[in-house]
């Protein structure tokens, strides 16, 4: 399902008339990667982290928003062992595809004939961002039930409950970032629209990432609560497993360097994809027309 969804997004991205520049595409994805490293405490020894699917869709458009979140998840999985290769498809489905649905709805609403003021847009964006996290947790609960891991009715209330709280943080962060990104000064300056997320990502990766909250995230907390959490040997060995470097003895420095490497890898990978979608296939389509 994820392969179909991502392939469709890539096709729509190629055909899109409103493509973000490769630099903007990479800058937004780079920031989302960094922001997802920053777990924050929620309740009862649980942590949450930024999802960013709604923000990505609003800033980049539907297909590019989905692809940016997908690329973040791929880098996390392959380079850092975050999520695991065997569940990459499910993570893309829940976070990049299902998580993008509220943002896609908001995109159509914002482009409708009705004129929303800034407060109305902010309220809608907060609601959509909150809903993206809740929907992802709902689908995860359904998948756990369908797989026979745990009964859906047992896990549903805990999963959706804790992620409803995490979604509140998601909404506040998304609205704040959206207001910055759509401010008159930033919109008039391409340097600022690209520079702000790039510099912010570098600061988070280099300086703030070692101080992320260490509590288990929502899914891990629920898995431990109902004792269905299992850890197996990885299919592939990630070079920067668990956002660290074994060659560096200092833990803070190791995480800091790994965070910096992560945002750089994400930027390069997404910029490359953006260049292909904007240049090679875009020109080929233009010649055909």
C-alpha atoms as a PDB file:
ATOM      1  CA  UNK A   1       0.000   0.000   0.000  1.00  0.00           C
ATOM      2  CA  UNK A   2       2.820   2.395   0.854  1.00  0.00           C
ATOM      3  CA  UNK A   3       4.624   1.659  -2.418  1.00  0.00           C
ATOM      4  CA  UNK A   4       1.450   2.483  -4.334  1.00  0.00           C
ATOM      5  CA  UNK A   5       0.880   5.666  -2.325  1.00  0.00           C
ATOM      6  CA  UNK A   6       4.451   6.929  -2.652  1.00  0.00           C
ATOM      7  CA  UNK A   7       4.577   6.064  -6.372  1.00  0.00           C
ATOM      8  CA  UNK A   8       1.335   7.953  -6.950  1.00  0.00           C
ATOM      9  CA  UNK A   9       2.761  10.919  -5.019  1.00  0.00           C
ATOM     10  CA  UNK A  10       5.895  10.894  -7.189  1.00  0.00           C
ATOM     11  CA  UNK A  11       3.804  10.858 -10.377  1.00  0.00           C
ATOM     12  CA  UNK A  12       1.650  13.729  -9.096  1.00  0.00           C
ATOM     13  CA  UNK A  13       4.808  15.616  -8.089  1.00  0.00           C
ATOM     14  CA  UNK A  14       6.179  15.314 -11.623  1.00  0.00           C
ATOM     15  CA  UNK A  15       2.898  16.556 -13.100  1.00  0.00           C
ATOM     16  CA  UNK A  16       2.410  19.306 -10.516  1.00  0.00           C
ATOM     17  CA  UNK A  17       2.381  22.854 -11.859  1.00  0.00           C
ATOM     18  CA  UNK A  18       3.420  24.276  -8.475  1.00  0.00           C
ATOM     19  CA  UNK A  19       6.695  22.594  -7.584  1.00  0.00           C
ATOM     20  CA  UNK A  20       8.807  23.807  -4.655  1.00  0.00           C
ATOM     21  CA  UNK A  21      12.435  24.391  -5.519  1.00  0.00           C
ATOM     22  CA  UNK A  22      14.783  21.489  -4.669  1.00  0.00           C
ATOM     23  CA  UNK A  23      16.338  23.705  -1.983  1.00  0.00           C
ATOM     24  CA  UNK A  24      13.016  24.432  -0.288  1.00  0.00           C
ATOM     25  CA  UNK A  25      11.976  20.777  -0.593  1.00  0.00           C
ATOM     26  CA  UNK A  26      15.223  19.697   1.070  1.00  0.00           C
ATOM     27  CA  UNK A  27      15.150  22.449   3.700  1.00  0.00           C
ATOM     28  CA  UNK A  28      11.658  21.523   4.948  1.00  0.00           C
ATOM     29  CA  UNK A  29      12.492  17.790   5.050  1.00  0.00           C
ATOM     30  CA  UNK A  30      15.768  18.552   6.820  1.00  0.00           C
ATOM     31  CA  UNK A  31      13.913  20.513   9.486  1.00  0.00           C
ATOM     32  CA  UNK A  32      11.299  17.779   9.986  1.00  0.00           C
ATOM     33  CA  UNK A  33      14.067  15.188  10.439  1.00  0.00           C
ATOM     34  CA  UNK A  34      15.720  17.355  13.096  1.00  0.00           C
ATOM     35  CA  UNK A  35      12.423  18.179  14.832  1.00  0.00           C
ATOM     36  CA  UNK A  36      11.505  14.491  15.053  1.00  0.00           C
ATOM     37  CA  UNK A  37      14.681  13.888  17.065  1.00  0.00           C
ATOM     38  CA  UNK A  38      13.420  16.162  19.840  1.00  0.00           C
ATOM     39  CA  UNK A  39      11.208  13.992  22.057  1.00  0.00           C
ATOM     40  CA  UNK A  40       9.318  16.000  24.683  1.00  0.00           C
ATOM     41  CA  UNK A  41       7.700  14.699  27.918  1.00  0.00           C
ATOM     42  CA  UNK A  42       3.925  14.241  27.784  1.00  0.00           C
ATOM     43  CA  UNK A  43       2.408  12.311  30.700  1.00  0.00           C
ATOM     44  CA  UNK A  44       3.153   9.380  33.012  1.00  0.00           C
ATOM     45  CA  UNK A  45       6.696   8.827  31.767  1.00  0.00           C
ATOM     46  CA  UNK A  46       5.722   9.104  28.101  1.00  0.00           C
ATOM     47  CA  UNK A  47       7.272  11.274  25.418  1.00  0.00           C
ATOM     48  CA  UNK A  48       6.138  12.483  22.027  1.00  0.00           C
ATOM     49  CA  UNK A  49       7.814  13.935  18.999  1.00  0.00           C
ATOM     50  CA  UNK A  50       6.857  16.181  16.109  1.00  0.00           C
ATOM     51  CA  UNK A  51       5.318  14.419  13.092  1.00  0.00           C
ATOM     52  CA  UNK A  52       5.311  17.289  10.601  1.00  0.00           C
ATOM     53  CA  UNK A  53       3.166  15.687   7.894  1.00  0.00           C
ATOM     54  CA  UNK A  54       0.586  18.492   7.942  1.00  0.00           C
ATOM     55  CA  UNK A  55       3.241  21.209   7.920  1.00  0.00           C
ATOM     56  CA  UNK A  56       5.046  19.538   5.005  1.00  0.00           C
ATOM     57  CA  UNK A  57       1.869  19.316   2.924  1.00  0.00           C
ATOM     58  CA  UNK A  58       0.884  22.921   3.636  1.00  0.00           C
ATOM     59  CA  UNK A  59       4.336  24.304   2.792  1.00  0.00           C
ATOM     60  CA  UNK A  60       5.249  22.035  -0.132  1.00  0.00           C
ATOM     61  CA  UNK A  61       1.963  20.839  -1.600  1.00  0.00           C
ATOM     62  CA  UNK A  62       0.365  17.421  -1.233  1.00  0.00           C
ATOM     63  CA  UNK A  63       2.683  15.169  -3.298  1.00  0.00           C
ATOM     64  CA  UNK A  64       5.916  16.861  -2.214  1.00  0.00           C
ATOM     65  CA  UNK A  65       4.741  16.923   1.416  1.00  0.00           C
ATOM     66  CA  UNK A  66       4.157  13.167   1.337  1.00  0.00           C
ATOM     67  CA  UNK A  67       7.512  12.542  -0.343  1.00  0.00           C
ATOM     68  CA  UNK A  68       9.412  14.714   2.162  1.00  0.00           C
ATOM     69  CA  UNK A  69       7.974  12.817   5.156  1.00  0.00           C
ATOM     70  CA  UNK A  70       8.667   9.521   3.372  1.00  0.00           C
ATOM     71  CA  UNK A  71      12.306  10.465   2.781  1.00  0.00           C
ATOM     72  CA  UNK A  72      12.710  11.424   6.446  1.00  0.00           C
ATOM     73  CA  UNK A  73      11.410   7.986   7.492  1.00  0.00           C
ATOM     74  CA  UNK A  74      13.684   6.222   5.006  1.00  0.00           C
ATOM     75  CA  UNK A  75      16.782   8.064   6.275  1.00  0.00           C
ATOM     76  CA  UNK A  76      15.805   7.361   9.889  1.00  0.00           C
ATOM     77  CA  UNK A  77      15.384   3.677   9.117  1.00  0.00           C
ATOM     78  CA  UNK A  78      18.440   3.008   6.940  1.00  0.00           C
ATOM     79  CA  UNK A  79      20.990   5.320   8.540  1.00  0.00           C
ATOM     80  CA  UNK A  80      19.877   5.298  12.184  1.00  0.00           C
ATOM     81  CA  UNK A  81      17.965   2.058  12.720  1.00  0.00           C
ATOM     82  CA  UNK A  82      14.951   4.086  13.843  1.00  0.00           C
ATOM     83  CA  UNK A  83      11.742   2.138  13.192  1.00  0.00           C
ATOM     84  CA  UNK A  84      13.324  -0.852  11.527  1.00  0.00           C
ATOM     85  CA  UNK A  85      13.276  -2.011   7.912  1.00  0.00           C
ATOM     86  CA  UNK A  86      10.525  -4.590   8.452  1.00  0.00           C
ATOM     87  CA  UNK A  87       8.067  -1.879   9.567  1.00  0.00           C
ATOM     88  CA  UNK A  88       9.170   0.879   7.174  1.00  0.00           C
ATOM     89  CA  UNK A  89       6.131   0.314   4.967  1.00  0.00           C
ATOM     90  CA  UNK A  90       3.737   0.602   7.893  1.00  0.00           C
ATOM     91  CA  UNK A  91       5.482   3.734   9.184  1.00  0.00           C
ATOM     92  CA  UNK A  92       5.215   5.363   5.753  1.00  0.00           C
ATOM     93  CA  UNK A  93       1.540   4.386   5.536  1.00  0.00           C
ATOM     94  CA  UNK A  94       0.646   5.757   8.968  1.00  0.00           C
ATOM     95  CA  UNK A  95       2.855   8.830   9.159  1.00  0.00           C
ATOM     96  CA  UNK A  96       3.480   9.977   5.562  1.00  0.00           C
ATOM     97  CA  UNK A  97       0.252   8.905   3.820  1.00  0.00           C
ATOM     98  CA  UNK A  98      -2.477   8.789   6.492  1.00  0.00           C
ATOM     99  CA  UNK A  99      -0.762  11.623   8.365  1.00  0.00           C
ATOM    100  CA  UNK A 100      -0.973  13.792   5.231  1.00  0.00           C
ATOM    101  CA  UNK A 101      -4.760  13.471   4.833  1.00  0.00           C
ATOM    102  CA  UNK A 102      -5.735  16.407   7.110  1.00  0.00           C
ATOM    103  CA  UNK A 103      -3.107  18.598   5.438  1.00  0.00           C
ATOM    104  CA  UNK A 104      -4.466  17.652   2.013  1.00  0.00           C
ATOM    105  CA  UNK A 105      -7.991  18.604   3.094  1.00  0.00           C
ATOM    106  CA  UNK A 106      -6.707  21.922   4.434  1.00  0.00           C
ATOM    107  CA  UNK A 107      -4.882  22.576   1.160  1.00  0.00           C
ATOM    108  CA  UNK A 108      -8.143  22.253  -0.770  1.00  0.00           C
ATOM    109  CA  UNK A 109      -9.951  24.430   1.774  1.00  0.00           C
ATOM    110  CA  UNK A 110      -7.316  27.168   1.603  1.00  0.00           C
ATOM    111  CA  UNK A 111      -7.578  27.170  -2.198  1.00  0.00           C
ATOM    112  CA  UNK A 112     -11.373  27.324  -2.164  1.00  0.00           C
ATOM    113  CA  UNK A 113     -13.348  30.448  -2.972  1.00  0.00           C
ATOM    114  CA  UNK A 114     -13.862  31.167   0.727  1.00  0.00           C
ATOM    115  CA  UNK A 115     -11.284  33.577   2.122  1.00  0.00           C
ATOM    116  CA  UNK A 116      -9.930  32.529   5.522  1.00  0.00           C
ATOM    117  CA  UNK A 117      -8.244  35.064   7.768  1.00  0.00           C
ATOM    118  CA  UNK A 118      -5.058  34.234   9.674  1.00  0.00           C
ATOM    119  CA  UNK A 119      -6.873  33.223  12.874  1.00  0.00           C
ATOM    120  CA  UNK A 120      -9.221  30.890  11.006  1.00  0.00           C
ATOM    121  CA  UNK A 121      -6.309  29.329   9.145  1.00  0.00           C
ATOM    122  CA  UNK A 122      -4.432  28.835  12.408  1.00  0.00           C
ATOM    123  CA  UNK A 123      -7.412  27.130  14.081  1.00  0.00           C
ATOM    124  CA  UNK A 124      -7.901  24.834  11.077  1.00  0.00           C
ATOM    125  CA  UNK A 125      -4.180  24.075  10.968  1.00  0.00           C
ATOM    126  CA  UNK A 126      -4.069  23.259  14.672  1.00  0.00           C
ATOM    127  CA  UNK A 127      -7.041  20.917  14.274  1.00  0.00           C
ATOM    128  CA  UNK A 128      -5.569  19.264  11.186  1.00  0.00           C
ATOM    129  CA  UNK A 129      -2.177  18.763  12.828  1.00  0.00           C
ATOM    130  CA  UNK A 130      -3.777  17.246  15.922  1.00  0.00           C
ATOM    131  CA  UNK A 131      -5.913  14.992  13.749  1.00  0.00           C
ATOM    132  CA  UNK A 132      -2.907  13.774  11.732  1.00  0.00           C
ATOM    133  CA  UNK A 133      -1.303  12.350  14.884  1.00  0.00           C
ATOM    134  CA  UNK A 134      -4.569  10.822  16.114  1.00  0.00           C
ATOM    135  CA  UNK A 135      -5.306   9.234  12.716  1.00  0.00           C
ATOM    136  CA  UNK A 136      -1.818   7.721  12.574  1.00  0.00           C
ATOM    137  CA  UNK A 137      -2.309   6.211  16.042  1.00  0.00           C
ATOM    138  CA  UNK A 138      -5.787   4.937  15.093  1.00  0.00           C
ATOM    139  CA  UNK A 139      -4.454   3.141  12.020  1.00  0.00           C
ATOM    140  CA  UNK A 140      -1.546   1.742  14.033  1.00  0.00           C
ATOM    141  CA  UNK A 141      -4.048   0.358  16.554  1.00  0.00           C
ATOM    142  CA  UNK A 142      -6.058  -1.231  13.738  1.00  0.00           C
ATOM    143  CA  UNK A 143      -2.917  -2.786  12.249  1.00  0.00           C
ATOM    144  CA  UNK A 144      -1.910  -4.222  15.618  1.00  0.00           C
ATOM    145  CA  UNK A 145      -5.389  -5.711  15.932  1.00  0.00           C
ATOM    146  CA  UNK A 146      -5.453  -7.120  12.384  1.00  0.00           C
ATOM    147  CA  UNK A 147      -2.015  -8.672  12.838  1.00  0.00           C
ATOM    148  CA  UNK A 148      -3.163 -10.503  15.960  1.00  0.00           C
ATOM    149  CA  UNK A 149      -0.563  -8.769  18.114  1.00  0.00           C
ATOM    150  CA  UNK A 150      -3.163  -7.411  20.527  1.00  0.00           C
ATOM    151  CA  UNK A 151      -6.915  -6.924  20.508  1.00  0.00           C
ATOM    152  CA  UNK A 152      -7.911  -3.636  18.858  1.00  0.00           C
ATOM    153  CA  UNK A 153     -10.376  -2.650  21.584  1.00  0.00           C
ATOM    154  CA  UNK A 154      -7.668  -3.206  24.206  1.00  0.00           C
ATOM    155  CA  UNK A 155      -5.008  -1.049  22.584  1.00  0.00           C
ATOM    156  CA  UNK A 156      -7.256   1.586  20.980  1.00  0.00           C
ATOM    157  CA  UNK A 157      -8.022   3.736  24.036  1.00  0.00           C
ATOM    158  CA  UNK A 158      -4.403   3.862  25.233  1.00  0.00           C
ATOM    159  CA  UNK A 159      -2.928   4.556  21.791  1.00  0.00           C
ATOM    160  CA  UNK A 160      -5.413   7.227  20.776  1.00  0.00           C
ATOM    161  CA  UNK A 161      -5.481   8.664  24.298  1.00  0.00           C
ATOM    162  CA  UNK A 162      -1.753   9.319  24.591  1.00  0.00           C
ATOM    163  CA  UNK A 163      -1.480  10.482  20.975  1.00  0.00           C
ATOM    164  CA  UNK A 164      -4.371  12.894  21.492  1.00  0.00           C
ATOM    165  CA  UNK A 165      -2.119  14.645  24.016  1.00  0.00           C
ATOM    166  CA  UNK A 166       0.904  14.477  21.700  1.00  0.00           C
ATOM    167  CA  UNK A 167      -1.306  15.947  18.966  1.00  0.00           C
ATOM    168  CA  UNK A 168      -1.849  19.082  21.061  1.00  0.00           C
ATOM    169  CA  UNK A 169       1.896  19.759  20.983  1.00  0.00           C
ATOM    170  CA  UNK A 170       1.904  18.950  17.253  1.00  0.00           C
ATOM    171  CA  UNK A 171      -0.815  21.544  16.673  1.00  0.00           C
ATOM    172  CA  UNK A 172       0.932  24.311  18.604  1.00  0.00           C
ATOM    173  CA  UNK A 173       4.309  23.658  16.950  1.00  0.00           C
ATOM    174  CA  UNK A 174       2.796  23.462  13.461  1.00  0.00           C
ATOM    175  CA  UNK A 175       0.843  26.709  13.822  1.00  0.00           C
ATOM    176  CA  UNK A 176       3.912  28.537  15.177  1.00  0.00           C
ATOM    177  CA  UNK A 177       6.107  27.295  12.332  1.00  0.00           C
ATOM    178  CA  UNK A 178       3.432  28.058   9.743  1.00  0.00           C
ATOM    179  CA  UNK A 179       3.070  31.652  10.976  1.00  0.00           C
ATOM    180  CA  UNK A 180       6.828  32.124  10.677  1.00  0.00           C
ATOM    181  CA  UNK A 181       7.001  30.505   7.235  1.00  0.00           C
ATOM    182  CA  UNK A 182       4.085  32.549   5.862  1.00  0.00           C
ATOM    183  CA  UNK A 183       5.057  35.872   7.384  1.00  0.00           C
ATOM    184  CA  UNK A 184       5.395  38.682   4.866  1.00  0.00           C
ATOM    185  CA  UNK A 185       9.127  39.075   5.427  1.00  0.00           C
ATOM    186  CA  UNK A 186       9.882  35.367   4.903  1.00  0.00           C
ATOM    187  CA  UNK A 187       7.615  35.016   1.863  1.00  0.00           C
ATOM    188  CA  UNK A 188       9.366  37.908   0.138  1.00  0.00           C
ATOM    189  CA  UNK A 189      12.828  36.422   0.715  1.00  0.00           C
ATOM    190  CA  UNK A 190      13.848  33.063  -0.736  1.00  0.00           C
ATOM    191  CA  UNK A 191      16.975  33.182   1.415  1.00  0.00           C
ATOM    192  CA  UNK A 192      14.881  33.368   4.584  1.00  0.00           C
ATOM    193  CA  UNK A 193      12.355  30.728   3.455  1.00  0.00           C
ATOM    194  CA  UNK A 194      15.220  28.287   2.913  1.00  0.00           C
ATOM    195  CA  UNK A 195      17.705  29.612   5.458  1.00  0.00           C
ATOM    196  CA  UNK A 196      15.409  29.530   8.506  1.00  0.00           C
ATOM    197  CA  UNK A 197      14.593  25.777   8.337  1.00  0.00           C
ATOM    198  CA  UNK A 198      18.203  24.909   7.391  1.00  0.00           C
ATOM    199  CA  UNK A 199      19.767  26.874  10.242  1.00  0.00           C
ATOM    200  CA  UNK A 200      17.104  25.646  12.687  1.00  0.00           C
ATOM    201  CA  UNK A 201      17.752  22.025  11.665  1.00  0.00           C
ATOM    202  CA  UNK A 202      21.506  22.431  12.121  1.00  0.00           C
ATOM    203  CA  UNK A 203      21.035  23.980  15.570  1.00  0.00           C
ATOM    204  CA  UNK A 204      18.657  21.197  16.637  1.00  0.00           C
ATOM    205  CA  UNK A 205      20.911  18.468  15.257  1.00  0.00           C
ATOM    206  CA  UNK A 206      24.172  19.837  16.634  1.00  0.00           C
ATOM    207  CA  UNK A 207      23.132  21.503  19.893  1.00  0.00           C
ATOM    208  CA  UNK A 208      19.701  20.370  21.092  1.00  0.00           C
ATOM    209  CA  UNK A 209      19.431  16.720  19.982  1.00  0.00           C
ATOM    210  CA  UNK A 210      21.543  15.314  22.877  1.00  0.00           C
ATOM    211  CA  UNK A 211      19.037  16.773  25.330  1.00  0.00           C
ATOM    212  CA  UNK A 212      15.880  15.179  23.884  1.00  0.00           C
ATOM    213  CA  UNK A 213      13.644  13.503  26.462  1.00  0.00           C
ATOM    214  CA  UNK A 214      14.538   9.869  27.088  1.00  0.00           C
ATOM    215  CA  UNK A 215      11.062   8.584  27.992  1.00  0.00           C
ATOM    216  CA  UNK A 216       9.545   5.993  25.621  1.00  0.00           C
ATOM    217  CA  UNK A 217       7.363   7.493  22.898  1.00  0.00           C
ATOM    218  CA  UNK A 218       3.628   6.870  22.685  1.00  0.00           C
ATOM    219  CA  UNK A 219       3.800   3.557  20.815  1.00  0.00           C
ATOM    220  CA  UNK A 220       6.696   2.212  22.908  1.00  0.00           C
ATOM    221  CA  UNK A 221       4.867   3.170  26.092  1.00  0.00           C
ATOM    222  CA  UNK A 222       1.693   1.345  25.004  1.00  0.00           C
ATOM    223  CA  UNK A 223       3.745  -1.666  23.848  1.00  0.00           C
ATOM    224  CA  UNK A 224       5.453  -1.889  27.244  1.00  0.00           C
ATOM    225  CA  UNK A 225       2.147  -1.376  29.056  1.00  0.00           C
ATOM    226  CA  UNK A 226       0.517  -4.329  27.293  1.00  0.00           C
ATOM    227  CA  UNK A 227       3.750  -6.360  27.051  1.00  0.00           C
ATOM    228  CA  UNK A 228       3.754  -6.879  23.297  1.00  0.00           C
ATOM    229  CA  UNK A 229       7.045  -5.070  22.701  1.00  0.00           C
ATOM    230  CA  UNK A 230       9.674  -7.352  21.174  1.00  0.00           C
ATOM    231  CA  UNK A 231      13.099  -6.496  19.848  1.00  0.00           C
ATOM    232  CA  UNK A 232      14.792  -8.640  17.218  1.00  0.00           C
ATOM    233  CA  UNK A 233      18.136  -8.529  15.453  1.00  0.00           C
ATOM    234  CA  UNK A 234      18.084  -5.876  12.713  1.00  0.00           C
ATOM    235  CA  UNK A 235      17.848  -6.956   9.079  1.00  0.00           C
ATOM    236  CA  UNK A 236      20.564  -4.440   8.207  1.00  0.00           C
ATOM    237  CA  UNK A 237      23.188  -2.796  10.369  1.00  0.00           C
ATOM    238  CA  UNK A 238      22.675   0.975  10.501  1.00  0.00           C
ATOM    239  CA  UNK A 239      25.879   3.048  10.532  1.00  0.00           C
ATOM    240  CA  UNK A 240      24.578   5.499  13.157  1.00  0.00           C
ATOM    241  CA  UNK A 241      22.354   3.185  15.146  1.00  0.00           C
ATOM    242  CA  UNK A 242      20.176   4.868  17.792  1.00  0.00           C
ATOM    243  CA  UNK A 243      21.433   8.311  16.718  1.00  0.00           C
ATOM    244  CA  UNK A 244      24.937   7.799  18.036  1.00  0.00           C
ATOM    245  CA  UNK A 245      28.474   6.926  16.965  1.00  0.00           C
ATOM    246  CA  UNK A 246      30.246   4.041  18.657  1.00  0.00           C
ATOM    247  CA  UNK A 247      33.628   5.587  17.778  1.00  0.00           C
ATOM    248  CA  UNK A 248      32.945   8.603  20.041  1.00  0.00           C
ATOM    249  CA  UNK A 249      33.073   7.895  23.778  1.00  0.00           C
ATOM    250  CA  UNK A 250      31.338  11.093  24.896  1.00  0.00           C
ATOM    251  CA  UNK A 251      27.573  10.430  24.679  1.00  0.00           C
ATOM    252  CA  UNK A 252      26.533  14.054  24.172  1.00  0.00           C
ATOM    253  CA  UNK A 253      29.124  14.598  21.446  1.00  0.00           C
ATOM    254  CA  UNK A 254      28.207  11.289  19.770  1.00  0.00           C
ATOM    255  CA  UNK A 255      24.513  12.215  19.531  1.00  0.00           C
ATOM    256  CA  UNK A 256      25.388  15.748  18.407  1.00  0.00           C
ATOM    257  CA  UNK A 257      27.592  14.509  15.558  1.00  0.00           C
ATOM    258  CA  UNK A 258      25.007  11.893  14.571  1.00  0.00           C
ATOM    259  CA  UNK A 259      22.289  14.562  14.554  1.00  0.00           C
ATOM    260  CA  UNK A 260      24.407  16.789  12.321  1.00  0.00           C
ATOM    261  CA  UNK A 261      25.120  13.896   9.958  1.00  0.00           C
ATOM    262  CA  UNK A 262      21.411  13.057   9.888  1.00  0.00           C
ATOM    263  CA  UNK A 263      20.253  16.500   8.807  1.00  0.00           C
ATOM    264  CA  UNK A 264      22.978  16.663   6.145  1.00  0.00           C
ATOM    265  CA  UNK A 265      22.094  13.205   4.745  1.00  0.00           C
ATOM    266  CA  UNK A 266      18.410  14.181   4.665  1.00  0.00           C
ATOM    267  CA  UNK A 267      19.154  17.456   2.906  1.00  0.00           C
ATOM    268  CA  UNK A 268      21.318  15.796   0.232  1.00  0.00           C
ATOM    269  CA  UNK A 269      18.893  12.917  -0.375  1.00  0.00           C
ATOM    270  CA  UNK A 270      15.802  15.128  -0.616  1.00  0.00           C
ATOM    271  CA  UNK A 271      17.579  17.779  -2.683  1.00  0.00           C
ATOM    272  CA  UNK A 272      18.600  15.055  -5.148  1.00  0.00           C
ATOM    273  CA  UNK A 273      15.023  13.796  -5.374  1.00  0.00           C
ATOM    274  CA  UNK A 274      13.732  17.353  -5.775  1.00  0.00           C
ATOM    275  CA  UNK A 275      16.256  18.047  -8.542  1.00  0.00           C
ATOM    276  CA  UNK A 276      15.109  14.945 -10.432  1.00  0.00           C
ATOM    277  CA  UNK A 277      11.429  15.797 -10.050  1.00  0.00           C
ATOM    278  CA  UNK A 278      11.958  19.445 -11.029  1.00  0.00           C
ATOM    279  CA  UNK A 279      14.514  19.088 -13.781  1.00  0.00           C
ATOM    280  CA  UNK A 280      14.863  15.752 -15.525  1.00  0.00           C
ATOM    281  CA  UNK A 281      11.256  14.556 -15.609  1.00  0.00           C
ATOM    282  CA  UNK A 282       9.791  18.049 -15.665  1.00  0.00           C
ATOM    283  CA  UNK A 283      11.713  18.933 -18.836  1.00  0.00           C
ATOM    284  CA  UNK A 284      10.910  15.580 -20.400  1.00  0.00           C
ATOM    285  CA  UNK A 285       7.203  16.199 -19.828  1.00  0.00           C
ATOM    286  CA  UNK A 286       7.514  19.701 -21.264  1.00  0.00           C
ATOM    287  CA  UNK A 287       9.165  18.376 -24.459  1.00  0.00           C
ATOM    288  CA  UNK A 288       6.410  15.796 -24.889  1.00  0.00           C
ATOM    289  CA  UNK A 289       3.772  18.516 -24.637  1.00  0.00           C
END
